[in-house]
Amino acid sequence: AADPMEITSATWVSDTMIFGGAWQIKRESVRR
């Protein structure tokens, strides 16, 4: 897990390495 973030993607980039992305809500509203 990636607490406090949430894992949004993951993929193998070698036999033993994984690359991906994560996100976390940090603001209460959209600014623009």
All heavy atoms as atom14 arrays in JSON, in Angstrom:
{
  "sequence": "AADPMEITSATWVSDTMIFGGAWQIKRESVRR",
  "atom14_mask": [
    [1, 1, 1, 1, 1, 0, 0, 0, 0, 0, 0, 0, 0, 0],
    [1, 1, 1, 1, 1, 0, 0, 0, 0, 0, 0, 0, 0, 0],
    [1, 1, 1, 1, 1, 1, 1, 1, 0, 0, 0, 0, 0, 0],
    [1, 1, 1, 1, 1, 1, 1, 0, 0, 0, 0, 0, 0, 0],
    [1, 1, 1, 1, 1, 1, 1, 1, 0, 0, 0, 0, 0, 0],
    [1, 1, 1, 1, 1, 1, 1, 1, 1, 0, 0, 0, 0, 0],
    [1, 1, 1, 1, 1, 1, 1, 1, 0, 0, 0, 0, 0, 0],
    [1, 1, 1, 1, 1, 1, 1, 0, 0, 0, 0, 0, 0, 0],
    [1, 1, 1, 1, 1, 1, 0, 0, 0, 0, 0, 0, 0, 0],
    [1, 1, 1, 1, 1, 0, 0, 0, 0, 0, 0, 0, 0, 0],
    [1, 1, 1, 1, 1, 1, 1, 0, 0, 0, 0, 0, 0, 0],
    [1, 1, 1, 1, 1, 1, 1, 1, 1, 1, 1, 1, 1, 1],
    [1, 1, 1, 1, 1, 1, 1, 0, 0, 0, 0, 0, 0, 0],
    [1, 1, 1, 1, 1, 1, 0, 0, 0, 0, 0, 0, 0, 0],
    [1, 1, 1, 1, 1, 1, 1, 1, 0, 0, 0, 0, 0, 0],
    [1, 1, 1, 1, 1, 1, 1, 0, 0, 0, 0, 0, 0, 0],
    [1, 1, 1, 1, 1, 1, 1, 1, 0, 0, 0, 0, 0, 0],
    [1, 1, 1, 1, 1, 1, 1, 1, 0, 0, 0, 0, 0, 0],
    [1, 1, 1, 1, 1, 1, 1, 1, 1, 1, 1, 0, 0, 0],
    [1, 1, 1, 1, 0, 0, 0, 0, 0, 0, 0, 0, 0, 0],
    [1, 1, 1, 1, 0, 0, 0, 0, 0, 0, 0, 0, 0, 0],
    [1, 1, 1, 1, 1, 0, 0, 0, 0, 0, 0, 0, 0, 0],
    [1, 1, 1, 1, 1, 1, 1, 1, 1, 1, 1, 1, 1, 1],
    [1, 1, 1, 1, 1, 1, 1, 1, 1, 0, 0, 0, 0, 0],
    [1, 1, 1, 1, 1, 1, 1, 1, 0, 0, 0, 0, 0, 0],
    [1, 1, 1, 1, 1, 1, 1, 1, 1, 0, 0, 0, 0, 0],
    [1, 1, 1, 1, 1, 1, 1, 1, 1, 1, 1, 0, 0, 0],
    [1, 1, 1, 1, 1, 1, 1, 1, 1, 0, 0, 0, 0, 0],
    [1, 1, 1, 1, 1, 1, 0, 0, 0, 0, 0, 0, 0, 0],
    [1, 1, 1, 1, 1, 1, 1, 0, 0, 0, 0, 0, 0, 0],
    [1, 1, 1, 1, 1, 1, 1, 1, 1, 1, 1, 0, 0, 0],
    [1, 1, 1, 1, 1, 1, 1, 1, 1, 1, 1, 0, 0, 0]
  ],
  "atom14_positions": [
    [[0.85, -1.18, 0.0], [0.0, 0.0, 0.0], [0.89, 1.23, 0.0], [2.1, 1.15, 0.21], [-0.92, 0.0, 1.21], [0.0, 0.0, 0.0], [0.0, 0.0, 0.0], [0.0, 0.0, 0.0], [0.0, 0.0, 0.0], [0.0, 0.0, 0.0], [0.0, 0.0, 0.0], [0.0, 0.0, 0.0], [0.0, 0.0, 0.0], [0.0, 0.0, 0.0]],
    [[0.27, 2.4, -0.22], [1.05, 3.64, -0.29], [0.5, 4.68, 0.67], [0.62, 5.87, 0.43], [1.04, 4.18, -1.71], [0.0, 0.0, 0.0], [0.0, 0.0, 0.0], [0.0, 0.0, 0.0], [0.0, 0.0, 0.0], [0.0, 0.0, 0.0], [0.0, 0.0, 0.0], [0.0, 0.0, 0.0], [0.0, 0.0, 0.0], [0.0, 0.0, 0.0]],
    [[-0.11, 4.25, 1.74], [-0.73, 5.15, 2.71], [0.24, 6.28, 3.11], [1.41, 6.01, 3.4], [-1.14, 4.34, 3.95], [-1.98, 5.15, 4.91], [-3.04, 5.63, 4.49], [-1.54, 5.33, 6.06], [0.0, 0.0, 0.0], [0.0, 0.0, 0.0], [0.0, 0.0, 0.0], [0.0, 0.0, 0.0], [0.0, 0.0, 0.0], [0.0, 0.0, 0.0]],
    [[-0.17, 7.55, 3.1], [-1.55, 8.05, 2.96], [-2.01, 8.24, 1.51], [-3.11, 8.72, 1.27], [-1.48, 9.4, 3.67], [-0.1, 9.88, 3.38], [0.77, 8.65, 3.42], [0.0, 0.0, 0.0], [0.0, 0.0, 0.0], [0.0, 0.0, 0.0], [0.0, 0.0, 0.0], [0.0, 0.0, 0.0], [0.0, 0.0, 0.0], [0.0, 0.0, 0.0]],
    [[-1.14, 7.94, 0.54], [-1.55, 8.04, -0.86], [-2.22, 6.75, -1.3], [-2.17, 5.74, -0.58], [-0.34, 8.35, -1.75], [0.42, 9.62, -1.37], [1.65, 10.12, -2.6], [0.61, 11.02, -3.76], [0.0, 0.0, 0.0], [0.0, 0.0, 0.0], [0.0, 0.0, 0.0], [0.0, 0.0, 0.0], [0.0, 0.0, 0.0], [0.0, 0.0, 0.0]],
    [[-2.85, 6.79, -2.47], [-3.45, 5.59, -3.06], [-2.74, 5.29, -4.36], [-2.53, 6.17, -5.19], [-4.94, 5.8, -3.33], [-5.59, 4.57, -3.95], [-7.05, 4.77, -4.31], [-7.43, 5.93, -4.59], [-7.79, 3.78, -4.34], [0.0, 0.0, 0.0], [0.0, 0.0, 0.0], [0.0, 0.0, 0.0], [0.0, 0.0, 0.0], [0.0, 0.0, 0.0]],
    [[-2.36, 4.03, -4.55], [-1.7, 3.6, -5.78], [-2.71, 3.6, -6.92], [-3.76, 2.96, -6.83], [-1.07, 2.21, -5.61], [0.03, 2.25, -4.55], [-0.51, 1.71, -6.94], [0.55, 0.89, -4.16], [0.0, 0.0, 0.0], [0.0, 0.0, 0.0], [0.0, 0.0, 0.0], [0.0, 0.0, 0.0], [0.0, 0.0, 0.0], [0.0, 0.0, 0.0]],
    [[-2.4, 4.31, -7.99], [-3.32, 4.41, -9.13], [-2.87, 3.61, -10.34], [-3.68, 3.32, -11.22], [-3.49, 5.88, -9.55], [-2.19, 6.43, -9.84], [-4.15, 6.68, -8.44], [0.0, 0.0, 0.0], [0.0, 0.0, 0.0], [0.0, 0.0, 0.0], [0.0, 0.0, 0.0], [0.0, 0.0, 0.0], [0.0, 0.0, 0.0], [0.0, 0.0, 0.0]],
    [[-1.58, 3.24, -10.4], [-1.1, 2.47, -11.54], [0.17, 1.75, -11.15], [0.87, 2.14, -10.2], [-0.82, 3.38, -12.75], [0.21, 4.31, -12.45], [0.0, 0.0, 0.0], [0.0, 0.0, 0.0], [0.0, 0.0, 0.0], [0.0, 0.0, 0.0], [0.0, 0.0, 0.0], [0.0, 0.0, 0.0], [0.0, 0.0, 0.0], [0.0, 0.0, 0.0]],
    [[0.48, 0.69, -11.88], [1.7, -0.09, -11.62], [1.99, -0.97, -12.82], [1.08, -1.54, -13.43], [1.54, -0.95, -10.37], [0.0, 0.0, 0.0], [0.0, 0.0, 0.0], [0.0, 0.0, 0.0], [0.0, 0.0, 0.0], [0.0, 0.0, 0.0], [0.0, 0.0, 0.0], [0.0, 0.0, 0.0], [0.0, 0.0, 0.0], [0.0, 0.0, 0.0]],
    [[3.28, -1.1, -13.17], [3.67, -1.97, -14.27], [5.11, -2.42, -14.06], [5.92, -1.71, -13.45], [3.53, -1.24, -15.62], [3.77, -2.17, -16.68], [4.51, -0.09, -15.75], [0.0, 0.0, 0.0], [0.0, 0.0, 0.0], [0.0, 0.0, 0.0], [0.0, 0.0, 0.0], [0.0, 0.0, 0.0], [0.0, 0.0, 0.0], [0.0, 0.0, 0.0]],
    [[5.42, -3.61, -14.56], [6.79, -4.11, -14.5], [7.66, -3.33, -15.49], [7.27, -3.12, -16.64], [6.85, -5.59, -14.87], [6.17, -6.51, -13.9], [4.94, -7.08, -14.04], [6.69, -6.98, -12.65], [4.65, -7.86, -12.95], [5.71, -7.82, -12.08], [7.88, -6.76, -11.95], [5.88, -8.45, -10.85], [8.05, -7.38, -10.72], [7.07, -8.21, -10.18]],
    [[8.85, -2.94, -15.04], [9.82, -2.33, -15.96], [11.1, -3.17, -16.03], [11.98, -2.88, -16.83], [10.14, -0.88, -15.54], [8.93, 0.0, -15.77], [10.62, -0.79, -14.11], [0.0, 0.0, 0.0], [0.0, 0.0, 0.0], [0.0, 0.0, 0.0], [0.0, 0.0, 0.0], [0.0, 0.0, 0.0], [0.0, 0.0, 0.0], [0.0, 0.0, 0.0]],
    [[11.2, -4.19, -15.21], [12.27, -5.18, -15.3], [11.79, -6.41, -14.55], [10.65, -6.45, -14.06], [13.59, -4.65, -14.71], [13.53, -4.61, -13.3], [0.0, 0.0, 0.0], [0.0, 0.0, 0.0], [0.0, 0.0, 0.0], [0.0, 0.0, 0.0], [0.0, 0.0, 0.0], [0.0, 0.0, 0.0], [0.0, 0.0, 0.0], [0.0, 0.0, 0.0]],
    [[12.64, -7.42, -14.41], [12.24, -8.66, -13.73], [11.83, -8.41, -12.29], [10.98, -9.13, -11.75], [13.38, -9.67, -13.77], [13.67, -10.18, -15.17], [12.81, -9.98, -16.06], [14.75, -10.77, -15.37], [0.0, 0.0, 0.0], [0.0, 0.0, 0.0], [0.0, 0.0, 0.0], [0.0, 0.0, 0.0], [0.0, 0.0, 0.0], [0.0, 0.0, 0.0]],
    [[12.42, -7.41, -11.66], [12.2, -7.19, -10.22], [11.81, -5.76, -9.88], [11.7, -5.43, -8.7], [13.46, -7.56, -9.42], [14.55, -6.76, -9.85], [13.79, -9.04, -9.58], [0.0, 0.0, 0.0], [0.0, 0.0, 0.0], [0.0, 0.0, 0.0], [0.0, 0.0, 0.0], [0.0, 0.0, 0.0], [0.0, 0.0, 0.0], [0.0, 0.0, 0.0]],
    [[11.59, -4.9, -10.87], [11.28, -3.5, -10.6], [9.91, -3.15, -11.16], [9.53, -3.55, -12.26], [12.33, -2.58, -11.22], [13.76, -2.82, -10.71], [13.98, -2.47, -8.94], [13.82, -0.69, -8.94], [0.0, 0.0, 0.0], [0.0, 0.0, 0.0], [0.0, 0.0, 0.0], [0.0, 0.0, 0.0], [0.0, 0.0, 0.0], [0.0, 0.0, 0.0]],
    [[9.17, -2.36, -10.38], [7.82, -1.92, -10.73], [7.8, -0.39, -10.71], [8.38, 0.23, -9.82], [6.79, -2.47, -9.72], [6.72, -4.0, -9.81], [5.41, -1.85, -9.93], [6.0, -4.65, -8.65], [0.0, 0.0, 0.0], [0.0, 0.0, 0.0], [0.0, 0.0, 0.0], [0.0, 0.0, 0.0], [0.0, 0.0, 0.0], [0.0, 0.0, 0.0]],
    [[7.14, 0.2, -11.69], [7.0, 1.65, -11.76], [5.51, 1.98, -11.8], [4.72, 1.28, -12.43], [7.68, 2.21, -12.99], [7.57, 3.72, -13.14], [8.49, 4.55, -12.55], [6.52, 4.28, -13.87], [8.4, 5.93, -12.69], [6.41, 5.66, -14.01], [7.36, 6.48, -13.42], [0.0, 0.0, 0.0], [0.0, 0.0, 0.0], [0.0, 0.0, 0.0]],
    [[5.11, 3.06, -11.13], [3.71, 3.44, -11.16], [3.47, 4.82, -10.59], [4.39, 5.6, -10.35], [0.0, 0.0, 0.0], [0.0, 0.0, 0.0], [0.0, 0.0, 0.0], [0.0, 0.0, 0.0], [0.0, 0.0, 0.0], [0.0, 0.0, 0.0], [0.0, 0.0, 0.0], [0.0, 0.0, 0.0], [0.0, 0.0, 0.0], [0.0, 0.0, 0.0]],
    [[2.18, 5.13, -10.37], [1.78, 6.43, -9.87], [0.85, 6.31, -8.68], [0.25, 5.26, -8.43], [0.0, 0.0, 0.0], [0.0, 0.0, 0.0], [0.0, 0.0, 0.0], [0.0, 0.0, 0.0], [0.0, 0.0, 0.0], [0.0, 0.0, 0.0], [0.0, 0.0, 0.0], [0.0, 0.0, 0.0], [0.0, 0.0, 0.0], [0.0, 0.0, 0.0]],
    [[0.72, 7.4, -7.93], [-0.16, 7.45, -6.77], [-0.73, 8.85, -6.63], [-0.17, 9.82, -7.17], [0.6, 7.05, -5.5], [0.0, 0.0, 0.0], [0.0, 0.0, 0.0], [0.0, 0.0, 0.0], [0.0, 0.0, 0.0], [0.0, 0.0, 0.0], [0.0, 0.0, 0.0], [0.0, 0.0, 0.0], [0.0, 0.0, 0.0], [0.0, 0.0, 0.0]],
    [[-1.83, 8.97, -5.91], [-2.43, 10.29, -5.67], [-2.95, 10.38, -4.24], [-3.1, 9.39, -3.53], [-3.51, 10.6, -6.68], [-4.76, 9.73, -6.64], [-5.16, 8.85, -5.66], [-5.79, 9.67, -7.64], [-6.34, 8.26, -5.99], [-6.76, 8.74, -7.19], [-5.99, 10.33, -8.85], [-7.91, 8.45, -7.93], [-7.13, 10.04, -9.58], [-8.08, 9.11, -9.12]],
    [[-3.23, 11.62, -3.85], [-3.77, 11.9, -2.52], [-4.52, 13.22, -2.58], [-4.02, 14.21, -3.1], [-2.65, 11.98, -1.48], [-3.13, 12.27, -0.07], [-1.97, 12.44, 0.9], [-0.81, 12.5, 0.49], [-2.27, 12.53, 2.19], [0.0, 0.0, 0.0], [0.0, 0.0, 0.0], [0.0, 0.0, 0.0], [0.0, 0.0, 0.0], [0.0, 0.0, 0.0]],
    [[-5.76, 13.24, -2.04], [-6.51, 14.5, -1.97], [-5.87, 15.41, -0.94], [-5.69, 15.04, 0.22], [-7.99, 14.23, -1.62], [-8.68, 13.46, -2.75], [-8.73, 15.54, -1.36], [-10.12, 13.11, -2.48], [0.0, 0.0, 0.0], [0.0, 0.0, 0.0], [0.0, 0.0, 0.0], [0.0, 0.0, 0.0], [0.0, 0.0, 0.0], [0.0, 0.0, 0.0]],
    [[-5.51, 16.63, -1.37], [-4.81, 17.58, -0.49], [-5.51, 18.92, -0.39], [-5.19, 19.72, 0.5], [-3.38, 17.81, -1.01], [-2.52, 16.56, -0.99], [-2.18, 16.13, 0.43], [-1.17, 17.06, 1.07], [-0.72, 16.56, 2.38], [0.0, 0.0, 0.0], [0.0, 0.0, 0.0], [0.0, 0.0, 0.0], [0.0, 0.0, 0.0], [0.0, 0.0, 0.0]],
    [[-6.43, 19.21, -1.3], [-7.12, 20.49, -1.28], [-8.62, 20.27, -1.28], [-9.11, 19.28, -1.8], [-6.7, 21.34, -2.51], [-5.26, 21.83, -2.43], [-4.78, 22.39, -3.75], [-4.63, 21.37, -4.78], [-3.58, 20.54, -4.86], [-2.59, 20.62, -3.98], [-3.5, 19.64, -5.81], [0.0, 0.0, 0.0], [0.0, 0.0, 0.0], [0.0, 0.0, 0.0]],
    [[-9.35, 21.22, -0.74], [-10.79, 21.07, -0.59], [-11.57, 21.47, -1.84], [-12.74, 21.09, -1.98], [-11.29, 21.89, 0.6], [-10.8, 21.35, 1.94], [-11.42, 22.09, 3.11], [-12.22, 23.03, 2.86], [-11.13, 21.75, 4.27], [0.0, 0.0, 0.0], [0.0, 0.0, 0.0], [0.0, 0.0, 0.0], [0.0, 0.0, 0.0], [0.0, 0.0, 0.0]],
    [[-10.95, 22.22, -2.72], [-11.69, 22.67, -3.89], [-10.74, 22.88, -5.07], [-9.53, 23.0, -4.89], [-12.43, 23.98, -3.6], [-11.52, 25.0, -3.26], [0.0, 0.0, 0.0], [0.0, 0.0, 0.0], [0.0, 0.0, 0.0], [0.0, 0.0, 0.0], [0.0, 0.0, 0.0], [0.0, 0.0, 0.0], [0.0, 0.0, 0.0], [0.0, 0.0, 0.0]],
    [[-11.32, 22.91, -6.27], [-10.56, 23.18, -7.49], [-10.36, 24.69, -7.61], [-11.32, 25.46, -7.5], [-11.31, 22.63, -8.72], [-10.63, 23.06, -10.0], [-11.41, 21.12, -8.64], [0.0, 0.0, 0.0], [0.0, 0.0, 0.0], [0.0, 0.0, 0.0], [0.0, 0.0, 0.0], [0.0, 0.0, 0.0], [0.0, 0.0, 0.0], [0.0, 0.0, 0.0]],
    [[-9.14, 25.1, -7.84], [-8.83, 26.52, -7.83], [-9.01, 27.19, -9.18], [-9.23, 28.4, -9.26], [-7.4, 26.73, -7.33], [-7.17, 26.23, -5.9], [-5.69, 26.13, -5.58], [-5.03, 25.1, -6.39], [-3.78, 24.68, -6.17], [-3.08, 25.19, -5.19], [-3.25, 23.75, -6.95], [0.0, 0.0, 0.0], [0.0, 0.0, 0.0], [0.0, 0.0, 0.0]],
    [[-8.87, 26.42, -10.26], [-8.94, 27.0, -11.6], [-9.16, 25.86, -12.6], [-9.08, 24.69, -12.25], [-7.66, 27.77, -11.94], [-6.41, 26.92, -11.87], [-5.14, 27.75, -12.04], [-3.95, 26.93, -11.85], [-3.4, 26.67, -10.67], [-3.93, 27.19, -9.57], [-2.33, 25.91, -10.58], [0.0, 0.0, 0.0], [0.0, 0.0, 0.0], [0.0, 0.0, 0.0]]
  ]
}
